Amino acid sequence: MSEPFVQPVIIAGMSKTVANYDYAMSELEALVEANNMHAELRIDQSLEKPNPATYFGKGKVVEIKEMAEAKDLNIMIVNADLTPSQVRNLETETGLQIIDRTGLILEIFGNRARSKEAKLQVKIAQLQYQLPRLRTSISNRLDQQAGAAAGGGGGFTNRGSGETQLELNRRTIQDRISHAKHELKELNKDAEVRRTAREKAGLPNVALVGYTNAGKSTTMNGLVKLFGKGEDKQVFEKNMLFATLDTSIRQLTFPDNKQLLLSDTVGFVSDLPHNLINAFRSTLAEAASADLLIQVIDYADPHYKEMMATTEKTLKEIGVHDVPMLYAYNKADLTEADYPNQQDDQLIYAAKNEASIQALTKMIKAKVFKDYVTTTLLIPFNDGDVVAYLNDHANILKTDYLADGTQLTVELNAVDAQRYDKYVVTPA
């Protein structure tokens, strides 16, 4: 099988308008690679503020055109959110297809969405982005992507001329947004029912959050390998940005029969488009309802502190507040640090190292099972199903067979402690 074509592109930015500019541009380059492109040429400009008409200054626009022609490049990715008029003017003056940062991320998400929920979430964000940009090439790109995902057809972008056609296209987009939102709302109802059922079961919910490509899926797979049960439940992992967009949920059962639900959520990136944050709010509800968050951090990346700040900013934007958090500094095997190394709520570890996963497990259990109660139950012999349940789902510390039943000293969660309260042995 031949290698897929990698599109060479220009990346460009304005250095004085962005904090940590070199980091921002290296992140843009990684996003470009995630979209099956290659940054063939980088162009920087130092201006106090962007040109309102073309973003870059007039001289720089001419330079961009000449450099693109010299290298036979026809796409430029700009590290900014451009106005529709800036995109149109840049395309007119340079002859290039212009994609801004948000447009690039939307393309990546469009290519990676797999589940119906993720596809609808991305579709809504793309359509909302396209609405004011119908006369730009990025609108056509996203339209073609949506058509391909739907099996062909579905295009609507500026197929005629004049305001009548433009208004028709706008109404078509608005209708598609409304329809997609309705479908997503129905899916969200089902997800909420499942979430409520899990909460009633009394299992703690632990959610992995963090920057894209920090190693959340690898961490999850390490935990599932040791404590998952049933069929193979490994989740997809790959060394690239936004390898997966869907929230995966797995049940873990530890040797002492304590159980929890572990969620692997979509990764974050700096300046994640607001339309995407809003669209993925339902997917990220697993984080909002979690009993514990584990922020997975790429400790080998020199910009990991900026990534942590991005994660915590995004969590606030989606309404995640006051949830306890562990800080898991991953990829220590790519650094000089000793691992696993725990200090308070922080762990330096390597997700593919079993000792590291065991150390993380110990920290998780100390947090989510701290409210378990140890109690003694006397269960009549004719209630043997209760004994069987507890043997399978609780940590039995001691078993005694008495004349009037089975006496168990057992650790219980709040739900089971209430359920079996009638069997509690009252101290003499």
Protein backbone atom coordinates (compact mmCIF):
# COMPACT_ATOMS: atom_id res chain seq x y z
CA MET A 1 0.00 0.00 0.00
CA SER A 2 1.40 3.41 -0.97
CA GLU A 3 2.02 6.07 1.66
CA PRO A 4 -0.76 8.69 1.93
CA PHE A 5 -0.02 12.02 0.27
CA VAL A 6 1.27 14.64 2.72
CA GLN A 7 0.30 18.15 1.65
CA PRO A 8 3.15 20.69 1.87
CA VAL A 9 1.97 24.01 3.32
CA ILE A 10 3.14 27.37 4.62
CA ILE A 11 2.65 28.18 8.30
CA ALA A 12 2.59 31.83 9.31
CA GLY A 13 2.13 33.91 12.44
CA MET A 14 2.39 37.31 14.09
CA SER A 15 5.00 37.17 16.83
CA LYS A 16 4.05 40.24 18.90
CA THR A 17 0.38 39.32 19.22
CA VAL A 18 0.89 35.88 20.78
CA ALA A 19 2.38 34.96 24.16
CA ASN A 20 5.02 32.19 23.96
CA TYR A 21 5.11 32.61 20.20
CA ASP A 22 7.68 29.91 19.39
CA TYR A 23 5.71 27.39 21.46
CA ALA A 24 2.49 28.44 19.69
CA MET A 25 4.12 27.94 16.29
CA SER A 26 5.56 24.55 17.24
CA GLU A 27 2.07 23.53 18.36
CA LEU A 28 0.65 24.79 15.05
CA GLU A 29 3.22 22.66 13.22
CA ALA A 30 2.10 19.61 15.24
CA LEU A 31 -1.53 20.35 14.34
CA VAL A 32 -0.53 20.62 10.69
CA GLU A 33 1.13 17.20 10.87
CA ALA A 34 -1.97 15.79 12.56
CA ASN A 35 -3.92 16.93 9.48
CA ASN A 36 -1.66 14.98 7.12
CA MET A 37 0.22 18.12 6.08
CA HIS A 38 3.84 19.21 6.32
CA ALA A 39 5.09 22.69 7.19
CA GLU A 40 7.39 23.29 4.22
CA LEU A 41 7.87 26.99 4.96
CA ARG A 42 7.43 29.19 8.04
CA ILE A 43 6.77 32.92 7.75
CA ASP A 44 6.85 35.26 10.76
CA GLN A 45 5.96 38.91 11.05
CA SER A 46 6.55 41.32 13.91
CA LEU A 47 3.78 43.92 14.09
CA GLU A 48 2.17 45.52 17.13
CA LYS A 49 -1.28 44.66 15.80
CA PRO A 50 -2.64 42.85 12.74
CA ASN A 51 -3.69 44.63 9.57
CA PRO A 52 -7.53 44.70 9.76
CA ALA A 53 -7.81 43.96 6.01
CA THR A 54 -5.23 41.22 5.43
CA TYR A 55 -3.91 40.38 8.94
CA PHE A 56 -0.31 40.65 7.66
CA GLY A 57 1.18 43.94 6.48
CA LYS A 58 1.04 44.80 2.77
CA GLY A 59 4.75 44.14 2.20
CA LYS A 60 4.56 40.79 3.97
CA VAL A 61 1.55 39.78 1.84
CA VAL A 62 3.60 40.40 -1.31
CA GLU A 63 6.49 38.42 0.18
CA ILE A 64 4.16 35.52 1.02
CA LYS A 65 2.88 35.43 -2.56
CA GLU A 66 6.41 35.41 -3.99
CA MET A 67 7.71 32.74 -1.60
CA ALA A 68 4.70 30.53 -2.23
CA GLU A 69 5.18 30.77 -5.99
CA ALA A 70 8.91 30.03 -5.66
CA LYS A 71 8.20 26.81 -3.73
CA ASP A 72 5.02 25.94 -5.64
CA LEU A 73 2.88 25.95 -2.47
CA ASN A 74 -0.83 26.73 -2.51
CA ILE A 75 -2.04 26.48 1.11
CA MET A 76 -1.15 28.71 4.06
CA ILE A 77 -2.09 27.95 7.68
CA VAL A 78 -2.22 31.07 9.88
CA ASN A 79 -1.72 30.86 13.63
CA ALA A 80 -4.71 33.08 14.42
CA ASP A 81 -8.46 33.24 14.14
CA LEU A 82 -8.94 35.39 11.05
CA THR A 83 -12.06 37.36 10.19
CA PRO A 84 -13.94 36.23 7.07
CA SER A 85 -12.85 39.40 5.25
CA GLN A 86 -9.18 38.83 6.16
CA VAL A 87 -9.39 35.32 4.72
CA ARG A 88 -11.05 36.53 1.52
CA ASN A 89 -8.57 39.40 1.06
CA LEU A 90 -5.55 37.19 1.73
CA GLU A 91 -6.80 34.60 -0.74
CA THR A 92 -7.37 37.27 -3.38
CA GLU A 93 -3.96 38.91 -2.96
CA THR A 94 -1.82 35.77 -2.57
CA GLY A 95 -3.70 33.24 -4.68
CA LEU A 96 -3.38 30.78 -1.77
CA GLN A 97 -5.97 28.78 0.12
CA ILE A 98 -5.99 30.29 3.61
CA ILE A 99 -6.82 28.20 6.66
CA ASP A 100 -6.83 29.80 10.08
CA ARG A 101 -6.15 27.97 13.34
CA THR A 102 -9.77 27.19 14.11
CA GLY A 103 -10.39 25.95 10.57
CA LEU A 104 -7.40 23.61 10.89
CA ILE A 105 -8.61 22.12 14.19
CA LEU A 106 -12.10 21.67 12.75
CA GLU A 107 -10.62 19.75 9.80
CA ILE A 108 -8.69 17.48 12.17
CA PHE A 109 -11.77 16.83 14.27
CA GLY A 110 -13.81 16.17 11.14
CA ASN A 111 -11.30 13.54 10.00
CA ARG A 112 -11.07 11.86 13.43
CA ALA A 113 -14.74 11.69 14.47
CA ARG A 114 -15.91 8.07 14.55
CA SER A 115 -19.01 7.73 16.73
CA LYS A 116 -22.34 9.26 15.75
CA GLU A 117 -22.12 11.60 18.74
CA ALA A 118 -18.65 12.87 17.83
CA LYS A 119 -19.64 13.33 14.19
CA LEU A 120 -22.66 15.40 15.17
CA GLN A 121 -20.63 17.49 17.62
CA VAL A 122 -18.02 18.27 14.97
CA LYS A 123 -20.66 18.89 12.31
CA ILE A 124 -22.36 21.53 14.47
CA ALA A 125 -19.07 23.29 15.16
CA GLN A 126 -18.07 23.21 11.48
CA LEU A 127 -21.40 24.58 10.28
CA GLN A 128 -21.35 27.38 12.84
CA TYR A 129 -17.83 28.25 11.69
CA GLN A 130 -18.80 28.17 8.01
CA LEU A 131 -21.85 30.40 8.35
CA PRO A 132 -19.97 33.75 8.09
CA ARG A 133 -17.31 32.29 5.76
CA LEU A 134 -19.29 31.09 2.76
CA ARG A 135 -17.11 32.97 0.29
CA THR A 136 -13.81 31.46 1.45
CA SER A 137 -11.96 28.31 0.45
CA ILE A 138 -11.99 26.88 3.98
CA SER A 139 -15.79 26.74 3.75
CA ASN A 140 -15.45 24.65 0.57
CA ARG A 141 -12.87 22.40 2.25
CA LEU A 142 -15.11 21.74 5.25
CA ASP A 143 -18.09 21.26 2.96
CA GLN A 144 -16.23 18.66 0.91
CA GLN A 145 -15.09 16.94 4.10
CA ALA A 146 -18.68 16.81 5.39
CA GLY A 147 -19.89 15.48 2.03
CA ALA A 148 -17.24 12.76 2.00
CA ALA A 149 -18.11 11.77 5.57
CA ALA A 150 -21.77 11.53 4.60
CA GLY A 151 -20.97 9.37 1.58
CA GLY A 152 -20.97 12.08 -1.05
CA GLY A 153 -23.27 14.95 -1.78
CA GLY A 154 -24.53 17.35 0.84
CA GLY A 155 -22.63 20.35 -0.52
CA PHE A 156 -24.14 23.76 -0.40
CA THR A 157 -21.31 26.27 -0.45
CA ASN A 158 -21.77 29.14 -2.86
CA ARG A 159 -22.87 27.11 -5.86
CA GLY A 160 -24.52 30.13 -7.46
CA SER A 161 -23.82 33.83 -7.64
CA GLY A 162 -25.43 36.85 -6.00
CA GLU A 163 -27.06 37.51 -2.66
CA THR A 164 -30.04 35.22 -3.35
CA GLN A 165 -27.80 32.15 -3.57
CA LEU A 166 -25.80 33.29 -0.53
CA GLU A 167 -28.97 33.65 1.54
CA LEU A 168 -30.14 30.24 0.36
CA ASN A 169 -26.83 28.74 1.48
CA ARG A 170 -27.11 30.46 4.86
CA ARG A 171 -30.60 29.10 5.43
CA THR A 172 -29.43 25.64 4.40
CA ILE A 173 -26.63 25.78 7.00
CA GLN A 174 -28.97 27.06 9.71
CA ASP A 175 -31.41 24.22 8.96
CA ARG A 176 -28.58 21.67 9.14
CA ILE A 177 -27.37 23.12 12.46
CA SER A 178 -30.88 22.87 13.92
CA HIS A 179 -31.30 19.30 12.69
CA ALA A 180 -27.89 18.22 14.03
CA LYS A 181 -28.56 19.86 17.41
CA HIS A 182 -31.87 17.98 17.66
CA GLU A 183 -30.15 14.65 16.89
CA LEU A 184 -27.41 15.38 19.42
CA LYS A 185 -29.98 16.30 22.06
CA GLU A 186 -31.63 12.90 21.65
CA LEU A 187 -28.25 11.14 21.95
CA ASN A 188 -27.45 13.22 25.03
CA LYS A 189 -30.68 12.05 26.68
CA ASP A 190 -29.56 8.44 26.25
CA ALA A 191 -26.10 9.26 27.59
CA GLU A 192 -27.62 10.99 30.62
CA VAL A 193 -29.78 7.94 31.36
CA ARG A 194 -26.69 5.72 31.25
CA ARG A 195 -24.77 8.17 33.45
CA THR A 196 -27.59 8.23 36.01
CA ALA A 197 -27.70 4.42 36.06
CA ARG A 198 -23.96 4.29 36.75
CA GLU A 199 -24.32 6.79 39.59
CA LYS A 200 -27.11 4.70 41.14
CA ALA A 201 -24.83 1.67 41.01
CA GLY A 202 -22.56 3.52 43.42
CA LEU A 203 -19.36 3.05 41.41
CA PRO A 204 -16.92 5.97 41.65
CA ASN A 205 -16.17 7.72 38.34
CA VAL A 206 -12.56 8.66 37.60
CA ALA A 207 -11.85 10.74 34.49
CA LEU A 208 -8.55 11.19 32.68
CA VAL A 209 -8.14 14.74 31.38
CA GLY A 210 -5.29 16.69 29.87
CA TYR A 211 -3.58 18.00 26.82
CA THR A 212 -3.89 16.06 23.61
CA ASN A 213 -1.14 13.46 23.21
CA ALA A 214 -0.12 13.60 26.89
CA GLY A 215 -0.71 9.86 27.21
CA LYS A 216 -4.26 9.54 28.58
CA SER A 217 -5.15 6.56 26.38
CA THR A 218 -1.85 4.82 27.15
CA THR A 219 -2.48 5.36 30.86
CA MET A 220 -5.98 4.00 30.53
CA ASN A 221 -4.73 0.94 28.67
CA GLY A 222 -2.17 0.31 31.42
CA LEU A 223 -4.92 0.32 34.04
CA VAL A 224 -7.30 -1.77 31.91
CA LYS A 225 -4.59 -4.36 31.24
CA LEU A 226 -4.11 -4.92 34.97
CA PHE A 227 -7.64 -4.47 36.28
CA GLY A 228 -10.09 -4.68 33.38
CA LYS A 229 -12.28 -7.76 33.06
CA GLY A 230 -14.09 -9.46 30.23
CA GLU A 231 -13.27 -8.93 26.55
CA ASP A 232 -10.28 -6.93 25.36
CA LYS A 233 -11.11 -3.36 26.26
CA GLN A 234 -7.94 -1.53 25.23
CA VAL A 235 -8.64 1.91 23.76
CA PHE A 236 -7.03 3.35 20.64
CA GLU A 237 -3.71 5.11 21.24
CA LYS A 238 -1.31 6.77 18.85
CA ASN A 239 1.46 9.35 19.11
CA MET A 240 -0.40 12.22 17.45
CA LEU A 241 -2.68 15.08 18.41
CA PHE A 242 -6.37 14.21 18.84
CA ALA A 243 -5.88 10.51 18.11
CA THR A 244 -9.39 9.93 19.45
CA LEU A 245 -12.36 12.20 20.10
CA ASP A 246 -14.76 9.78 21.79
CA THR A 247 -15.02 9.35 25.53
CA SER A 248 -14.21 5.73 26.43
CA ILE A 249 -15.48 4.26 29.71
CA ARG A 250 -14.10 1.08 31.26
CA GLN A 251 -14.85 -0.69 34.54
CA LEU A 252 -11.89 -1.61 36.72
CA THR A 253 -12.07 -4.31 39.40
CA PHE A 254 -9.20 -4.51 41.89
CA PRO A 255 -8.03 -7.61 43.79
CA ASP A 256 -9.96 -6.44 46.89
CA ASN A 257 -13.15 -6.30 44.76
CA LYS A 258 -13.35 -2.52 44.85
CA GLN A 259 -14.59 -1.22 41.53
CA LEU A 260 -14.66 2.07 39.65
CA LEU A 261 -15.44 3.48 36.23
CA LEU A 262 -12.56 5.06 34.31
CA SER A 263 -13.20 7.59 31.53
CA ASP A 264 -10.74 8.71 28.85
CA THR A 265 -11.84 12.11 27.51
CA VAL A 266 -10.99 14.13 24.41
CA GLY A 267 -7.68 15.97 24.72
CA PHE A 268 -7.28 19.72 24.94
CA VAL A 269 -5.12 22.17 23.03
CA SER A 270 -4.48 25.88 23.57
CA ASP A 271 -7.23 28.15 22.22
CA LEU A 272 -9.55 25.24 21.47
CA PRO A 273 -12.34 26.79 19.38
CA HIS A 274 -15.34 27.82 21.47
CA ASN A 275 -17.72 26.12 19.05
CA LEU A 276 -15.89 22.86 19.68
CA ILE A 277 -15.90 23.33 23.44
CA ASN A 278 -19.64 23.91 23.33
CA ALA A 279 -20.23 21.00 20.95
CA PHE A 280 -18.19 18.60 23.10
CA ARG A 281 -19.71 19.76 26.39
CA SER A 282 -21.84 16.60 26.52
CA THR A 283 -18.85 14.34 25.84
CA LEU A 284 -16.91 16.09 28.58
CA ALA A 285 -19.81 15.69 31.01
CA GLU A 286 -17.98 12.59 32.25
CA ALA A 287 -15.30 14.91 33.61
CA ALA A 288 -17.87 17.26 35.13
CA SER A 289 -19.58 14.41 37.00
CA ALA A 290 -16.37 12.64 38.06
CA ASP A 291 -15.47 11.90 41.65
CA LEU A 292 -11.80 12.31 40.76
CA LEU A 293 -9.89 13.83 37.84
CA ILE A 294 -6.45 12.64 36.81
CA GLN A 295 -4.68 15.32 34.82
CA VAL A 296 -2.19 13.52 32.58
CA ILE A 297 0.76 15.77 31.74
CA ASP A 298 3.54 15.27 29.18
CA TYR A 299 6.46 15.74 31.58
CA ALA A 300 8.96 15.36 28.73
CA ASP A 301 7.63 18.43 26.94
CA PRO A 302 9.43 21.64 27.94
CA HIS A 303 6.10 23.49 27.73
CA TYR A 304 4.22 21.18 30.08
CA LYS A 305 3.33 24.03 32.47
CA GLU A 306 1.60 25.93 29.66
CA MET A 307 -0.24 22.71 28.80
CA MET A 308 -1.42 22.37 32.39
CA ALA A 309 -2.69 25.96 32.33
CA THR A 310 -4.59 25.21 29.09
CA THR A 311 -6.17 22.10 30.62
CA GLU A 312 -7.35 23.89 33.73
CA LYS A 313 -8.67 26.85 31.69
CA THR A 314 -10.64 24.50 29.42
CA LEU A 315 -12.07 22.58 32.39
CA LYS A 316 -13.40 25.85 33.80
CA GLU A 317 -14.90 26.75 30.43
CA ILE A 318 -16.90 23.51 30.34
CA GLY A 319 -18.11 23.99 33.90
CA VAL A 320 -15.84 21.60 35.81
CA HIS A 321 -15.32 23.03 39.28
CA ASP A 322 -14.23 21.69 42.67
CA VAL A 323 -13.51 18.13 41.53
CA PRO A 324 -10.49 16.60 43.33
CA MET A 325 -7.51 16.14 41.01
CA LEU A 326 -4.36 14.04 40.85
CA TYR A 327 -1.47 15.34 38.73
CA ALA A 328 0.10 12.53 36.73
CA TYR A 329 3.38 13.60 35.09
CA ASN A 330 3.76 11.07 32.28
CA LYS A 331 6.65 10.15 29.93
CA ALA A 332 9.23 10.28 32.71
CA ASP A 333 11.08 7.56 30.78
CA LEU A 334 11.95 10.28 28.23
CA THR A 335 13.51 12.46 30.94
CA GLU A 336 16.24 12.11 33.56
CA ALA A 337 13.67 11.91 36.39
CA ASP A 338 13.35 8.91 38.70
CA TYR A 339 10.00 7.15 38.44
CA PRO A 340 7.56 6.22 39.75
CA ASN A 341 7.90 9.01 42.27
CA GLN A 342 4.95 10.22 44.33
CA GLN A 343 4.66 13.39 46.38
CA ASP A 344 1.24 14.27 47.82
CA ASP A 345 -1.21 14.40 44.88
CA GLN A 346 1.52 14.32 42.22
CA LEU A 347 3.08 11.32 40.51
CA ILE A 348 6.01 11.24 38.10
CA TYR A 349 5.55 8.07 36.06
CA ALA A 350 5.71 6.32 32.69
CA ALA A 351 2.40 4.97 31.39
CA LYS A 352 3.97 1.84 29.87
CA ASN A 353 5.74 0.93 33.12
CA GLU A 354 3.77 -1.49 35.33
CA ALA A 355 5.28 -0.20 38.58
CA SER A 356 4.13 3.28 37.56
CA ILE A 357 0.58 2.08 36.90
CA GLN A 358 0.53 0.30 40.26
CA ALA A 359 1.67 3.52 41.99
CA LEU A 360 -1.06 5.47 40.20
CA THR A 361 -3.61 2.83 41.19
CA LYS A 362 -2.66 3.19 44.86
CA MET A 363 -3.17 6.95 44.67
CA ILE A 364 -6.54 6.59 42.92
CA LYS A 365 -7.82 4.08 45.46
CA ALA A 366 -6.74 6.24 48.38
CA LYS A 367 -8.87 9.07 46.98
CA VAL A 368 -12.02 7.40 45.71
CA PHE A 369 -12.43 4.71 48.35
CA LYS A 370 -11.61 6.81 51.40
CA ASP A 371 -15.28 6.94 52.46
CA TYR A 372 -15.75 3.16 52.45
CA VAL A 373 -16.95 1.81 55.79
CA THR A 374 -15.84 -1.34 57.54
CA THR A 375 -18.76 -3.12 59.17
CA THR A 376 -19.83 -6.55 60.42
CA LEU A 377 -22.90 -8.20 58.92
CA LEU A 378 -24.75 -11.31 60.09
CA ILE A 379 -26.55 -12.77 57.08
CA PRO A 380 -29.07 -15.63 57.58
CA PHE A 381 -28.31 -18.81 55.65
CA ASN A 382 -31.46 -18.40 53.56
CA ASP A 383 -30.06 -15.07 52.23
CA GLY A 384 -27.13 -16.76 50.56
CA ASP A 385 -27.51 -14.53 47.49
CA VAL A 386 -26.37 -11.57 49.64
CA VAL A 387 -23.24 -13.45 50.69
CA ALA A 388 -22.56 -14.34 47.05
CA TYR A 389 -22.98 -10.70 45.98
CA LEU A 390 -20.63 -9.42 48.68
CA ASN A 391 -18.02 -12.05 47.87
CA ASP A 392 -18.06 -10.79 44.28
CA HIS A 393 -18.37 -7.05 44.88
CA ALA A 394 -16.90 -6.22 48.28
CA ASN A 395 -13.67 -6.65 50.18
CA ILE A 396 -14.30 -9.44 52.69
CA LEU A 397 -11.91 -9.05 55.63
CA LYS A 398 -13.20 -11.96 57.72
CA THR A 399 -15.80 -14.74 57.41
CA ASP A 400 -17.29 -16.68 60.34
CA TYR A 401 -20.00 -19.36 60.11
CA LEU A 402 -22.27 -19.09 63.13
CA ALA A 403 -25.33 -21.01 64.16
CA ASP A 404 -27.74 -18.35 62.84
CA GLY A 405 -25.92 -17.33 59.68
CA THR A 406 -22.73 -16.15 57.98
CA GLN A 407 -20.94 -13.29 59.72
CA LEU A 408 -18.83 -11.09 57.45
CA THR A 409 -16.50 -8.27 58.34
CA VAL A 410 -16.52 -6.30 55.12
CA GLU A 411 -15.62 -2.98 53.47
CA LEU A 412 -18.66 -1.38 51.79
CA ASN A 413 -19.39 1.66 49.67
CA ALA A 414 -22.19 4.00 50.76
CA VAL A 415 -24.80 2.41 48.49
CA ASP A 416 -24.17 -1.16 49.69
CA ALA A 417 -23.82 -0.04 53.32
CA GLN A 418 -27.33 1.40 53.15
CA ARG A 419 -28.69 -1.56 51.18
CA TYR A 420 -27.51 -4.12 53.76
CA ASP A 421 -27.99 -2.01 56.87
CA LYS A 422 -30.50 -4.50 58.28
CA TYR A 423 -27.77 -7.14 58.60
CA VAL A 424 -25.39 -4.95 60.63
CA VAL A 425 -24.30 -6.55 63.91
CA THR A 426 -24.82 -4.12 66.78
CA PRO A 427 -21.87 -4.23 69.22
CA ALA A 428 -22.78 -5.76 72.54
